Amino acid sequence: MAMAAKSRANVRLPPEVNRVLFVRNLPFKITAEDMYDLFGKYGPIRQIRVGTATDTRGTAFVVYEDIFDAKAACDHLSGFNIMGRYLIVLYYSTTKATKKKDLDKKEAEVSEMKEKLGMED
């Protein structure tokens, strides 16, 4: 175990790799136990959040204790077929969510400014 931890310390991971995975295309009937069984094979899990609202069904966030376990799960489970659905496993990126919010805000400001100045598209 000490040797594995030592070799991991020398590995350089891409910047987008983190402990939080965003999973899409999940079967609606998948249970939390199924999720823990599937994703737990790659390492200890801190938390799993499965979307239950109509707009978030079929998605989940999986948080691993260790970044290397998250990478292994992402590498192995992306494209994995479960209950007839192929999983899409991505690293969660807060910057994407922030950029979208910033873009929406800027577009609203531009629209407001156009109205004030009497401009049209």
PDB file of N, CA and C in Angstrom:
ATOM      1  N   MET A   1       0.827  -1.197   0.000  1.00  0.00           N
ATOM      2  CA  MET A   1       0.000   0.000   0.000  1.00  0.00           C
ATOM      3  C   MET A   1       0.869   1.258   0.000  1.00  0.00           C
ATOM      4  N   ALA A   2       1.933   1.261   0.805  1.00  0.00           N
ATOM      5  CA  ALA A   2       2.802   2.434   0.869  1.00  0.00           C
ATOM      6  C   ALA A   2       3.456   2.694  -0.484  1.00  0.00           C
ATOM      7  N   MET A   3       3.797   1.629  -1.195  1.00  0.00           N
ATOM      8  CA  MET A   3       4.418   1.773  -2.509  1.00  0.00           C
ATOM      9  C   MET A   3       3.429   2.383  -3.502  1.00  0.00           C
ATOM     10  N   ALA A   4       2.165   1.951  -3.430  1.00  0.00           N
ATOM     11  CA  ALA A   4       1.141   2.483  -4.339  1.00  0.00           C
ATOM     12  C   ALA A   4       0.925   3.968  -4.075  1.00  0.00           C
ATOM     13  N   ALA A   5       0.879   4.353  -2.810  1.00  0.00           N
ATOM     14  CA  ALA A   5       0.691   5.763  -2.466  1.00  0.00           C
ATOM     15  C   ALA A   5       1.886   6.593  -2.922  1.00  0.00           C
ATOM     16  N   LYS A   6       3.083   6.022  -2.800  1.00  0.00           N
ATOM     17  CA  LYS A   6       4.282   6.741  -3.207  1.00  0.00           C
ATOM     18  C   LYS A   6       4.299   6.956  -4.724  1.00  0.00           C
ATOM     19  N   SER A   7       3.913   5.926  -5.491  1.00  0.00           N
ATOM     20  CA  SER A   7       3.914   6.068  -6.950  1.00  0.00           C
ATOM     21  C   SER A   7       2.822   7.030  -7.408  1.00  0.00           C
ATOM     22  N   ARG A   8       1.723   7.103  -6.684  1.00  0.00           N
ATOM     23  CA  ARG A   8       0.647   8.038  -7.026  1.00  0.00           C
ATOM     24  C   ARG A   8       1.096   9.488  -6.861  1.00  0.00           C
ATOM     25  N   ALA A   9       1.941   9.734  -5.882  1.00  0.00           N
ATOM     26  CA  ALA A   9       2.392  11.099  -5.612  1.00  0.00           C
ATOM     27  C   ALA A   9       3.184  11.660  -6.786  1.00  0.00           C
ATOM     28  N   ASN A  10       3.811  10.804  -7.573  1.00  0.00           N
ATOM     29  CA  ASN A  10       4.616  11.256  -8.703  1.00  0.00           C
ATOM     30  C   ASN A  10       3.806  11.423  -9.983  1.00  0.00           C
ATOM     31  N   VAL A  11       2.544  11.015  -9.977  1.00  0.00           N
ATOM     32  CA  VAL A  11       1.702  11.086 -11.169  1.00  0.00           C
ATOM     33  C   VAL A  11       1.100  12.479 -11.288  1.00  0.00           C
ATOM     34  N   ARG A  12       1.173  13.010 -12.485  1.00  0.00           N
ATOM     35  CA  ARG A  12       0.598  14.331 -12.730  1.00  0.00           C
ATOM     36  C   ARG A  12      -0.716  14.142 -13.480  1.00  0.00           C
ATOM     37  N   LEU A  13      -1.792  14.630 -12.906  1.00  0.00           N
ATOM     38  CA  LEU A  13      -3.115  14.479 -13.505  1.00  0.00           C
ATOM     39  C   LEU A  13      -3.499  15.728 -14.282  1.00  0.00           C
ATOM     40  N   PRO A  14      -4.322  15.578 -15.318  1.00  0.00           N
ATOM     41  CA  PRO A  14      -4.809  16.754 -16.044  1.00  0.00           C
ATOM     42  C   PRO A  14      -5.613  17.658 -15.104  1.00  0.00           C
ATOM     43  N   PRO A  15      -5.676  18.955 -15.391  1.00  0.00           N
ATOM     44  CA  PRO A  15      -6.338  19.893 -14.473  1.00  0.00           C
ATOM     45  C   PRO A  15      -7.837  19.645 -14.292  1.00  0.00           C
ATOM     46  N   GLU A  16      -8.500  19.035 -15.281  1.00  0.00           N
ATOM     47  CA  GLU A  16      -9.947  18.830 -15.151  1.00  0.00           C
ATOM     48  C   GLU A  16     -10.303  17.662 -14.231  1.00  0.00           C
ATOM     49  N   VAL A  17      -9.335  16.828 -13.892  1.00  0.00           N
ATOM     50  CA  VAL A  17      -9.595  15.668 -13.036  1.00  0.00           C
ATOM     51  C   VAL A  17      -9.822  16.137 -11.604  1.00  0.00           C
ATOM     52  N   ASN A  18     -10.932  15.693 -11.010  1.00  0.00           N
ATOM     53  CA  ASN A  18     -11.185  15.981  -9.601  1.00  0.00           C
ATOM     54  C   ASN A  18     -11.974  14.833  -8.982  1.00  0.00           C
ATOM     55  N   ARG A  19     -12.298  14.946  -7.705  1.00  0.00           N
ATOM     56  CA  ARG A  19     -12.952  13.856  -6.979  1.00  0.00           C
ATOM     57  C   ARG A  19     -14.445  13.750  -7.265  1.00  0.00           C
ATOM     58  N   VAL A  20     -15.023  14.751  -7.907  1.00  0.00           N
ATOM     59  CA  VAL A  20     -16.464  14.779  -8.148  1.00  0.00           C
ATOM     60  C   VAL A  20     -16.762  14.407  -9.597  1.00  0.00           C
ATOM     61  N   LEU A  21     -17.584  13.375  -9.767  1.00  0.00           N
ATOM     62  CA  LEU A  21     -17.992  12.943 -11.102  1.00  0.00           C
ATOM     63  C   LEU A  21     -19.450  13.314 -11.329  1.00  0.00           C
ATOM     64  N   PHE A  22     -19.760  13.721 -12.550  1.00  0.00           N
ATOM     65  CA  PHE A  22     -21.136  13.985 -12.955  1.00  0.00           C
ATOM     66  C   PHE A  22     -21.528  12.859 -13.899  1.00  0.00           C
ATOM     67  N   VAL A  23     -22.590  12.145 -13.561  1.00  0.00           N
ATOM     68  CA  VAL A  23     -23.018  10.985 -14.340  1.00  0.00           C
ATOM     69  C   VAL A  23     -24.348  11.301 -15.006  1.00  0.00           C
ATOM     70  N   ARG A  24     -24.411  11.046 -16.326  1.00  0.00           N
ATOM     71  CA  ARG A  24     -25.641  11.277 -17.093  1.00  0.00           C
ATOM     72  C   ARG A  24     -26.106   9.963 -17.704  1.00  0.00           C
ATOM     73  N   ASN A  25     -27.335   9.975 -18.184  1.00  0.00           N
ATOM     74  CA  ASN A  25     -27.941   8.840 -18.887  1.00  0.00           C
ATOM     75  C   ASN A  25     -28.139   7.629 -17.973  1.00  0.00           C
ATOM     76  N   LEU A  26     -28.380   7.893 -16.687  1.00  0.00           N
ATOM     77  CA  LEU A  26     -28.663   6.806 -15.751  1.00  0.00           C
ATOM     78  C   LEU A  26     -30.084   6.293 -15.969  1.00  0.00           C
ATOM     79  N   PRO A  27     -30.309   4.995 -15.774  1.00  0.00           N
ATOM     80  CA  PRO A  27     -31.682   4.488 -15.822  1.00  0.00           C
ATOM     81  C   PRO A  27     -32.487   5.111 -14.680  1.00  0.00           C
ATOM     82  N   PHE A  28     -33.736   5.456 -14.940  1.00  0.00           N
ATOM     83  CA  PHE A  28     -34.561   6.086 -13.910  1.00  0.00           C
ATOM     84  C   PHE A  28     -34.816   5.152 -12.730  1.00  0.00           C
ATOM     85  N   LYS A  29     -34.744   3.849 -12.959  1.00  0.00           N
ATOM     86  CA  LYS A  29     -35.049   2.877 -11.904  1.00  0.00           C
ATOM     87  C   LYS A  29     -33.828   2.467 -11.087  1.00  0.00           C
ATOM     88  N   ILE A  30     -32.674   3.060 -11.334  1.00  0.00           N
ATOM     89  CA  ILE A  30     -31.468   2.683 -10.589  1.00  0.00           C
ATOM     90  C   ILE A  30     -31.610   3.140  -9.139  1.00  0.00           C
ATOM     91  N   THR A  31     -31.169   2.295  -8.215  1.00  0.00           N
ATOM     92  CA  THR A  31     -31.273   2.621  -6.795  1.00  0.00           C
ATOM     93  C   THR A  31     -29.930   3.134  -6.279  1.00  0.00           C
ATOM     94  N   ALA A  32     -29.970   3.734  -5.092  1.00  0.00           N
ATOM     95  CA  ALA A  32     -28.737   4.214  -4.463  1.00  0.00           C
ATOM     96  C   ALA A  32     -27.798   3.035  -4.205  1.00  0.00           C
ATOM     97  N   GLU A  33     -28.366   1.902  -3.831  1.00  0.00           N
ATOM     98  CA  GLU A  33     -27.549   0.707  -3.584  1.00  0.00           C
ATOM     99  C   GLU A  33     -26.837   0.260  -4.864  1.00  0.00           C
ATOM    100  N   ASP A  34     -27.555   0.304  -5.992  1.00  0.00           N
ATOM    101  CA  ASP A  34     -26.938  -0.031  -7.283  1.00  0.00           C
ATOM    102  C   ASP A  34     -25.775   0.913  -7.583  1.00  0.00           C
ATOM    103  N   MET A  35     -25.983   2.194  -7.301  1.00  0.00           N
ATOM    104  CA  MET A  35     -24.946   3.201  -7.563  1.00  0.00           C
ATOM    105  C   MET A  35     -23.707   2.927  -6.706  1.00  0.00           C
ATOM    106  N   TYR A  36     -23.926   2.666  -5.408  1.00  0.00           N
ATOM    107  CA  TYR A  36     -22.795   2.383  -4.518  1.00  0.00           C
ATOM    108  C   TYR A  36     -22.076   1.104  -4.937  1.00  0.00           C
ATOM    109  N   ASP A  37     -22.836   0.091  -5.375  1.00  0.00           N
ATOM    110  CA  ASP A  37     -22.214  -1.156  -5.831  1.00  0.00           C
ATOM    111  C   ASP A  37     -21.359  -0.915  -7.069  1.00  0.00           C
ATOM    112  N   LEU A  38     -21.891  -0.170  -8.021  1.00  0.00           N
ATOM    113  CA  LEU A  38     -21.193   0.069  -9.284  1.00  0.00           C
ATOM    114  C   LEU A  38     -19.967   0.964  -9.102  1.00  0.00           C
ATOM    115  N   PHE A  39     -20.153   2.117  -8.469  1.00  0.00           N
ATOM    116  CA  PHE A  39     -19.061   3.085  -8.338  1.00  0.00           C
ATOM    117  C   PHE A  39     -18.111   2.744  -7.191  1.00  0.00           C
ATOM    118  N   GLY A  40     -18.593   1.989  -6.202  1.00  0.00           N
ATOM    119  CA  GLY A  40     -17.768   1.610  -5.060  1.00  0.00           C
ATOM    120  C   GLY A  40     -16.650   0.643  -5.407  1.00  0.00           C
ATOM    121  N   LYS A  41     -16.722   0.018  -6.569  1.00  0.00           N
ATOM    122  CA  LYS A  41     -15.668  -0.904  -6.999  1.00  0.00           C
ATOM    123  C   LYS A  41     -14.338  -0.188  -7.214  1.00  0.00           C
ATOM    124  N   TYR A  42     -14.388   1.122  -7.382  1.00  0.00           N
ATOM    125  CA  TYR A  42     -13.176   1.880  -7.717  1.00  0.00           C
ATOM    126  C   TYR A  42     -12.579   2.618  -6.529  1.00  0.00           C
ATOM    127  N   GLY A  43     -13.241   2.566  -5.372  1.00  0.00           N
ATOM    128  CA  GLY A  43     -12.690   3.191  -4.186  1.00  0.00           C
ATOM    129  C   GLY A  43     -13.781   3.698  -3.265  1.00  0.00           C
ATOM    130  N   PRO A  44     -13.375   4.154  -2.071  1.00  0.00           N
ATOM    131  CA  PRO A  44     -14.346   4.655  -1.097  1.00  0.00           C
ATOM    132  C   PRO A  44     -15.072   5.903  -1.617  1.00  0.00           C
ATOM    133  N   ILE A  45     -16.376   5.913  -1.418  1.00  0.00           N
ATOM    134  CA  ILE A  45     -17.213   7.021  -1.879  1.00  0.00           C
ATOM    135  C   ILE A  45     -17.624   7.857  -0.683  1.00  0.00           C
ATOM    136  N   ARG A  46     -17.506   9.155  -0.821  1.00  0.00           N
ATOM    137  CA  ARG A  46     -17.939  10.066   0.232  1.00  0.00           C
ATOM    138  C   ARG A  46     -19.443  10.312   0.141  1.00  0.00           C
ATOM    139  N   GLN A  47     -19.941  10.497  -1.089  1.00  0.00           N
ATOM    140  CA  GLN A  47     -21.356  10.839  -1.241  1.00  0.00           C
ATOM    141  C   GLN A  47     -21.827  10.570  -2.666  1.00  0.00           C
ATOM    142  N   ILE A  48     -23.090  10.179  -2.801  1.00  0.00           N
ATOM    143  CA  ILE A  48     -23.738  10.082  -4.108  1.00  0.00           C
ATOM    144  C   ILE A  48     -25.053  10.841  -4.024  1.00  0.00           C
ATOM    145  N   ARG A  49     -25.269  11.726  -4.979  1.00  0.00           N
ATOM    146  CA  ARG A  49     -26.527  12.478  -5.070  1.00  0.00           C
ATOM    147  C   ARG A  49     -27.180  12.149  -6.398  1.00  0.00           C
ATOM    148  N   VAL A  50     -28.341  11.520  -6.352  1.00  0.00           N
ATOM    149  CA  VAL A  50     -29.063  11.150  -7.564  1.00  0.00           C
ATOM    150  C   VAL A  50     -30.171  12.163  -7.791  1.00  0.00           C
ATOM    151  N   GLY A  51     -30.287  12.658  -9.030  1.00  0.00           N
ATOM    152  CA  GLY A  51     -31.327  13.626  -9.369  1.00  0.00           C
ATOM    153  C   GLY A  51     -32.699  12.980  -9.337  1.00  0.00           C
ATOM    154  N   THR A  52     -33.655  13.644  -8.674  1.00  0.00           N
ATOM    155  CA  THR A  52     -35.006  13.103  -8.566  1.00  0.00           C
ATOM    156  C   THR A  52     -36.053  14.005  -9.206  1.00  0.00           C
ATOM    157  N   ALA A  53     -35.727  15.266  -9.413  1.00  0.00           N
ATOM    158  CA  ALA A  53     -36.669  16.191 -10.048  1.00  0.00           C
ATOM    159  C   ALA A  53     -36.788  15.844 -11.532  1.00  0.00           C
ATOM    160  N   THR A  54     -37.851  16.305 -12.164  1.00  0.00           N
ATOM    161  CA  THR A  54     -38.076  15.954 -13.571  1.00  0.00           C
ATOM    162  C   THR A  54     -36.931  16.401 -14.473  1.00  0.00           C
ATOM    163  N   ASP A  55     -36.313  17.528 -14.184  1.00  0.00           N
ATOM    164  CA  ASP A  55     -35.215  18.015 -15.034  1.00  0.00           C
ATOM    165  C   ASP A  55     -33.851  17.435 -14.661  1.00  0.00           C
ATOM    166  N   THR A  56     -33.754  16.728 -13.525  1.00  0.00           N
ATOM    167  CA  THR A  56     -32.464  16.146 -13.125  1.00  0.00           C
ATOM    168  C   THR A  56     -32.487  14.622 -13.078  1.00  0.00           C
ATOM    169  N   ARG A  57     -33.618  14.015 -13.407  1.00  0.00           N
ATOM    170  CA  ARG A  57     -33.686  12.546 -13.401  1.00  0.00           C
ATOM    171  C   ARG A  57     -32.682  11.984 -14.399  1.00  0.00           C
ATOM    172  N   GLY A  58     -32.091  10.863 -14.033  1.00  0.00           N
ATOM    173  CA  GLY A  58     -31.108  10.239 -14.916  1.00  0.00           C
ATOM    174  C   GLY A  58     -29.710  10.797 -14.755  1.00  0.00           C
ATOM    175  N   THR A  59     -29.518  11.660 -13.752  1.00  0.00           N
ATOM    176  CA  THR A  59     -28.192  12.225 -13.489  1.00  0.00           C
ATOM    177  C   THR A  59     -27.818  11.986 -12.023  1.00  0.00           C
ATOM    178  N   ALA A  60     -26.528  12.077 -11.751  1.00  0.00           N
ATOM    179  CA  ALA A  60     -26.060  11.928 -10.372  1.00  0.00           C
ATOM    180  C   ALA A  60     -24.686  12.562 -10.230  1.00  0.00           C
ATOM    181  N   PHE A  61     -24.363  12.915  -9.006  1.00  0.00           N
ATOM    182  CA  PHE A  61     -23.019  13.347  -8.639  1.00  0.00           C
ATOM    183  C   PHE A  61     -22.443  12.263  -7.737  1.00  0.00           C
ATOM    184  N   VAL A  62     -21.215  11.856  -8.017  1.00  0.00           N
ATOM    185  CA  VAL A  62     -20.527  10.853  -7.203  1.00  0.00           C
ATOM    186  C   VAL A  62     -19.241  11.498  -6.703  1.00  0.00           C
ATOM    187  N   VAL A  63     -19.093  11.550  -5.380  1.00  0.00           N
ATOM    188  CA  VAL A  63     -17.910  12.170  -4.771  1.00  0.00           C
ATOM    189  C   VAL A  63     -17.061  11.075  -4.133  1.00  0.00           C
ATOM    190  N   TYR A  64     -15.837  10.957  -4.610  1.00  0.00           N
ATOM    191  CA  TYR A  64     -14.892   9.969  -4.080  1.00  0.00           C
ATOM    192  C   TYR A  64     -14.016  10.601  -3.011  1.00  0.00           C
ATOM    193  N   GLU A  65     -13.479   9.755  -2.142  1.00  0.00           N
ATOM    194  CA  GLU A  65     -12.516  10.197  -1.132  1.00  0.00           C
ATOM    195  C   GLU A  65     -11.188  10.576  -1.786  1.00  0.00           C
ATOM    196  N   ASP A  66     -10.814   9.849  -2.842  1.00  0.00           N
ATOM    197  CA  ASP A  66      -9.504  10.016  -3.461  1.00  0.00           C
ATOM    198  C   ASP A  66      -9.644  10.339  -4.947  1.00  0.00           C
ATOM    199  N   ILE A  67      -8.858  11.269  -5.424  1.00  0.00           N
ATOM    200  CA  ILE A  67      -8.914  11.711  -6.821  1.00  0.00           C
ATOM    201  C   ILE A  67      -8.540  10.589  -7.794  1.00  0.00           C
ATOM    202  N   PHE A  68      -7.624   9.712  -7.405  1.00  0.00           N
ATOM    203  CA  PHE A  68      -7.212   8.614  -8.286  1.00  0.00           C
ATOM    204  C   PHE A  68      -8.327   7.582  -8.454  1.00  0.00           C
ATOM    205  N   ASP A  69      -9.130   7.396  -7.398  1.00  0.00           N
ATOM    206  CA  ASP A  69     -10.284   6.496  -7.497  1.00  0.00           C
ATOM    207  C   ASP A  69     -11.327   7.083  -8.445  1.00  0.00           C
ATOM    208  N   ALA A  70     -11.525   8.395  -8.363  1.00  0.00           N
ATOM    209  CA  ALA A  70     -12.473   9.068  -9.260  1.00  0.00           C
ATOM    210  C   ALA A  70     -12.013   8.935 -10.709  1.00  0.00           C
ATOM    211  N   LYS A  71     -10.714   9.082 -10.928  1.00  0.00           N
ATOM    212  CA  LYS A  71     -10.179   8.947 -12.293  1.00  0.00           C
ATOM    213  C   LYS A  71     -10.392   7.532 -12.820  1.00  0.00           C
ATOM    214  N   ALA A  72     -10.136   6.541 -11.980  1.00  0.00           N
ATOM    215  CA  ALA A  72     -10.327   5.143 -12.392  1.00  0.00           C
ATOM    216  C   ALA A  72     -11.790   4.877 -12.739  1.00  0.00           C
ATOM    217  N   ALA A  73     -12.706   5.389 -11.922  1.00  0.00           N
ATOM    218  CA  ALA A  73     -14.137   5.195 -12.179  1.00  0.00           C
ATOM    219  C   ALA A  73     -14.550   5.875 -13.476  1.00  0.00           C
ATOM    220  N   CYS A  74     -14.075   7.088 -13.694  1.00  0.00           N
ATOM    221  CA  CYS A  74     -14.408   7.825 -14.918  1.00  0.00           C
ATOM    222  C   CYS A  74     -13.875   7.087 -16.140  1.00  0.00           C
ATOM    223  N   ASP A  75     -12.648   6.630 -16.059  1.00  0.00           N
ATOM    224  CA  ASP A  75     -12.028   5.919 -17.182  1.00  0.00           C
ATOM    225  C   ASP A  75     -12.756   4.614 -17.515  1.00  0.00           C
ATOM    226  N   HIS A  76     -13.194   3.885 -16.482  1.00  0.00           N
ATOM    227  CA  HIS A  76     -13.792   2.568 -16.700  1.00  0.00           C
ATOM    228  C   HIS A  76     -15.300   2.597 -16.925  1.00  0.00           C
ATOM    229  N   LEU A  77     -16.007   3.563 -16.341  1.00  0.00           N
ATOM    230  CA  LEU A  77     -17.471   3.530 -16.403  1.00  0.00           C
ATOM    231  C   LEU A  77     -18.075   4.408 -17.491  1.00  0.00           C
ATOM    232  N   SER A  78     -17.298   5.276 -18.090  1.00  0.00           N
ATOM    233  CA  SER A  78     -17.836   6.081 -19.187  1.00  0.00           C
ATOM    234  C   SER A  78     -18.094   5.149 -20.368  1.00  0.00           C
ATOM    235  N   GLY A  79     -19.354   5.056 -20.783  1.00  0.00           N
ATOM    236  CA  GLY A  79     -19.736   4.145 -21.853  1.00  0.00           C
ATOM    237  C   GLY A  79     -20.184   2.781 -21.351  1.00  0.00           C
ATOM    238  N   PHE A  80     -20.179   2.588 -20.034  1.00  0.00           N
ATOM    239  CA  PHE A  80     -20.592   1.320 -19.434  1.00  0.00           C
ATOM    240  C   PHE A  80     -22.102   1.150 -19.583  1.00  0.00           C
ATOM    241  N   ASN A  81     -22.549  -0.050 -19.962  1.00  0.00           N
ATOM    242  CA  ASN A  81     -23.970  -0.322 -20.155  1.00  0.00           C
ATOM    243  C   ASN A  81     -24.559  -0.889 -18.873  1.00  0.00           C
ATOM    244  N   ILE A  82     -25.556  -0.185 -18.334  1.00  0.00           N
ATOM    245  CA  ILE A  82     -26.280  -0.674 -17.158  1.00  0.00           C
ATOM    246  C   ILE A  82     -27.773  -0.523 -17.421  1.00  0.00           C
ATOM    247  N   MET A  83     -28.501  -1.612 -17.267  1.00  0.00           N
ATOM    248  CA  MET A  83     -29.950  -1.631 -17.491  1.00  0.00           C
ATOM    249  C   MET A  83     -30.313  -1.085 -18.872  1.00  0.00           C
ATOM    250  N   GLY A  84     -29.488  -1.385 -19.862  1.00  0.00           N
ATOM    251  CA  GLY A  84     -29.779  -0.955 -21.231  1.00  0.00           C
ATOM    252  C   GLY A  84     -29.420   0.483 -21.547  1.00  0.00           C
ATOM    253  N   ARG A  85     -28.749   1.179 -20.634  1.00  0.00           N
ATOM    254  CA  ARG A  85     -28.343   2.573 -20.862  1.00  0.00           C
ATOM    255  C   ARG A  85     -26.823   2.667 -20.801  1.00  0.00           C
ATOM    256  N   TYR A  86     -26.251   3.463 -21.693  1.00  0.00           N
ATOM    257  CA  TYR A  86     -24.803   3.683 -21.687  1.00  0.00           C
ATOM    258  C   TYR A  86     -24.502   4.931 -20.867  1.00  0.00           C
ATOM    259  N   LEU A  87     -23.730   4.770 -19.805  1.00  0.00           N
ATOM    260  CA  LEU A  87     -23.428   5.884 -18.904  1.00  0.00           C
ATOM    261  C   LEU A  87     -22.493   6.891 -19.551  1.00  0.00           C
ATOM    262  N   ILE A  88     -22.716   8.144 -19.225  1.00  0.00           N
ATOM    263  CA  ILE A  88     -21.807   9.225 -19.593  1.00  0.00           C
ATOM    264  C   ILE A  88     -21.244   9.747 -18.278  1.00  0.00           C
ATOM    265  N   VAL A  89     -19.959   9.547 -18.068  1.00  0.00           N
ATOM    266  CA  VAL A  89     -19.316   9.943 -16.813  1.00  0.00           C
ATOM    267  C   VAL A  89     -18.303  11.035 -17.117  1.00  0.00           C
ATOM    268  N   LEU A  90     -18.492  12.185 -16.471  1.00  0.00           N
ATOM    269  CA  LEU A  90     -17.634  13.355 -16.688  1.00  0.00           C
ATOM    270  C   LEU A  90     -17.116  13.870 -15.355  1.00  0.00           C
ATOM    271  N   TYR A  91     -16.025  14.595 -15.395  1.00  0.00           N
ATOM    272  CA  TYR A  91     -15.560  15.282 -14.190  1.00  0.00           C
ATOM    273  C   TYR A  91     -16.404  16.531 -14.026  1.00  0.00           C
ATOM    274  N   TYR A  92     -16.885  16.770 -12.807  1.00  0.00           N
ATOM    275  CA  TYR A  92     -17.688  17.959 -12.552  1.00  0.00           C
ATOM    276  C   TYR A  92     -16.793  19.187 -12.612  1.00  0.00           C
ATOM    277  N   SER A  93     -17.261  20.196 -13.305  1.00  0.00           N
ATOM    278  CA  SER A  93     -16.490  21.429 -13.440  1.00  0.00           C
ATOM    279  C   SER A  93     -17.339  22.614 -13.011  1.00  0.00           C
ATOM    280  N   THR A  94     -16.936  23.273 -11.935  1.00  0.00           N
ATOM    281  CA  THR A  94     -17.685  24.441 -11.472  1.00  0.00           C
ATOM    282  C   THR A  94     -17.527  25.604 -12.439  1.00  0.00           C
ATOM    283  N   THR A  95     -16.421  25.654 -13.170  1.00  0.00           N
ATOM    284  CA  THR A  95     -16.208  26.777 -14.084  1.00  0.00           C
ATOM    285  C   THR A  95     -17.215  26.765 -15.222  1.00  0.00           C
ATOM    286  N   LYS A  96     -17.625  25.579 -15.693  1.00  0.00           N
ATOM    287  CA  LYS A  96     -18.632  25.515 -16.753  1.00  0.00           C
ATOM    288  C   LYS A  96     -19.944  26.103 -16.269  1.00  0.00           C
ATOM    289  N   ALA A  97     -20.355  25.737 -15.056  1.00  0.00           N
ATOM    290  CA  ALA A  97     -21.598  26.254 -14.497  1.00  0.00           C
ATOM    291  C   ALA A  97     -21.491  27.761 -14.291  1.00  0.00           C
ATOM    292  N   THR A  98     -20.351  28.231 -13.818  1.00  0.00           N
ATOM    293  CA  THR A  98     -20.139  29.657 -13.589  1.00  0.00           C
ATOM    294  C   THR A  98     -20.119  30.418 -14.905  1.00  0.00           C
ATOM    295  N   LYS A  99     -19.440  29.887 -15.915  1.00  0.00           N
ATOM    296  CA  LYS A  99     -19.376  30.554 -17.217  1.00  0.00           C
ATOM    297  C   LYS A  99     -20.763  30.711 -17.821  1.00  0.00           C
ATOM    298  N   LYS A 100     -21.606  29.685 -17.714  1.00  0.00           N
ATOM    299  CA  LYS A 100     -22.963  29.744 -18.247  1.00  0.00           C
ATOM    300  C   LYS A 100     -23.754  30.829 -17.530  1.00  0.00           C
ATOM    301  N   LYS A 101     -23.608  30.903 -16.214  1.00  0.00           N
ATOM    302  CA  LYS A 101     -24.302  31.910 -15.429  1.00  0.00           C
ATOM    303  C   LYS A 101     -23.829  33.311 -15.830  1.00  0.00           C
ATOM    304  N   ASP A 102     -22.507  33.477 -15.990  1.00  0.00           N
ATOM    305  CA  ASP A 102     -21.942  34.763 -16.396  1.00  0.00           C
ATOM    306  C   ASP A 102     -22.432  35.159 -17.783  1.00  0.00           C
ATOM    307  N   LEU A 103     -22.491  34.199 -18.700  1.00  0.00           N
ATOM    308  CA  LEU A 103     -22.956  34.465 -20.056  1.00  0.00           C
ATOM    309  C   LEU A 103     -24.414  34.914 -20.042  1.00  0.00           C
ATOM    310  N   ASP A 104     -25.249  34.231 -19.280  1.00  0.00           N
ATOM    311  CA  ASP A 104     -26.659  34.612 -19.175  1.00  0.00           C
ATOM    312  C   ASP A 104     -26.799  36.024 -18.610  1.00  0.00           C
ATOM    313  N   LYS A 105     -25.984  36.343 -17.614  1.00  0.00           N
ATOM    314  CA  LYS A 105     -26.026  37.668 -16.998  1.00  0.00           C
ATOM    315  C   LYS A 105     -25.616  38.740 -18.011  1.00  0.00           C
ATOM    316  N   LYS A 106     -24.544  38.481 -18.754  1.00  0.00           N
ATOM    317  CA  LYS A 106     -24.074  39.439 -19.767  1.00  0.00           C
ATOM    318  C   LYS A 106     -25.122  39.641 -20.855  1.00  0.00           C
ATOM    319  N   GLU A 107     -25.753  38.543 -21.307  1.00  0.00           N
ATOM    320  CA  GLU A 107     -26.784  38.655 -22.334  1.00  0.00           C
ATOM    321  C   GLU A 107     -27.959  39.491 -21.840  1.00  0.00           C
ATOM    322  N   ALA A 108     -28.332  39.320 -20.578  1.00  0.00           N
ATOM    323  CA  ALA A 108     -29.421  40.107 -19.996  1.00  0.00           C
ATOM    324  C   ALA A 108     -29.035  41.585 -19.944  1.00  0.00           C
ATOM    325  N   GLU A 109     -27.788  41.871 -19.577  1.00  0.00           N
ATOM    326  CA  GLU A 109     -27.314  43.258 -19.532  1.00  0.00           C
ATOM    327  C   GLU A 109     -27.328  43.891 -20.920  1.00  0.00           C
ATOM    328  N   VAL A 110     -26.911  43.145 -21.932  1.00  0.00           N
ATOM    329  CA  VAL A 110     -26.898  43.656 -23.307  1.00  0.00           C
ATOM    330  C   VAL A 110     -28.321  43.940 -23.774  1.00  0.00           C
ATOM    331  N   SER A 111     -29.240  43.021 -23.488  1.00  0.00           N
ATOM    332  CA  SER A 111     -30.640  43.222 -23.875  1.00  0.00           C
ATOM    333  C   SER A 111     -31.221  44.460 -23.208  1.00  0.00           C
ATOM    334  N   GLU A 112     -30.906  44.629 -21.937  1.00  0.00           N
ATOM    335  CA  GLU A 112     -31.388  45.791 -21.185  1.00  0.00           C
ATOM    336  C   GLU A 112     -30.831  47.087 -21.777  1.00  0.00           C
ATOM    337  N   MET A 113     -29.561  47.076 -22.119  1.00  0.00           N
ATOM    338  CA  MET A 113     -28.916  48.249 -22.700  1.00  0.00           C
ATOM    339  C   MET A 113     -29.517  48.574 -24.065  1.00  0.00           C
ATOM    340  N   LYS A 114     -29.787  47.551 -24.878  1.00  0.00           N
ATOM    341  CA  LYS A 114     -30.399  47.759 -26.190  1.00  0.00           C
ATOM    342  C   LYS A 114     -31.771  48.404 -26.051  1.00  0.00           C
ATOM    343  N   GLU A 115     -32.542  47.955 -25.050  1.00  0.00           N
ATOM    344  CA  GLU A 115     -33.863  48.538 -24.818  1.00  0.00           C
ATOM    345  C   GLU A 115     -33.742  50.012 -24.447  1.00  0.00           C
ATOM    346  N   LYS A 116     -32.810  50.336 -23.575  1.00  0.00           N
ATOM    347  CA  LYS A 116     -32.606  51.723 -23.147  1.00  0.00           C
ATOM    348  C   LYS A 116     -32.239  52.614 -24.322  1.00  0.00           C
ATOM    349  N   LEU A 117     -31.425  52.083 -25.215  1.00  0.00           N
ATOM    350  CA  LEU A 117     -30.948  52.868 -26.349  1.00  0.00           C
ATOM    351  C   LEU A 117     -31.861  52.759 -27.569  1.00  0.00           C
ATOM    352  N   GLY A 118     -32.913  51.962 -27.459  1.00  0.00           N
ATOM    353  CA  GLY A 118     -33.850  51.822 -28.571  1.00  0.00           C
ATOM    354  C   GLY A 118     -33.274  51.061 -29.748  1.00  0.00           C
ATOM    355  N   MET A 119     -32.384  50.152 -29.485  1.00  0.00           N
ATOM    356  CA  MET A 119     -31.766  49.364 -30.556  1.00  0.00           C
ATOM    357  C   MET A 119     -32.485  48.030 -30.709  1.00  0.00           C
ATOM    358  N   GLU A 120     -32.402  47.467 -31.913  1.00  0.00           N
ATOM    359  CA  GLU A 120     -32.967  46.145 -32.168  1.00  0.00           C
ATOM    360  C   GLU A 120     -31.859  45.217 -32.640  1.00  0.00           C
ATOM    361  N   ASP A 121     -32.136  43.914 -32.593  1.00  0.00           N
ATOM    362  CA  ASP A 121     -31.151  42.921 -33.052  1.00  0.00           C
ATOM    363  C   ASP A 121     -30.927  42.999 -34.528  1.00  0.00           C
TER     364      ASP A 121
END
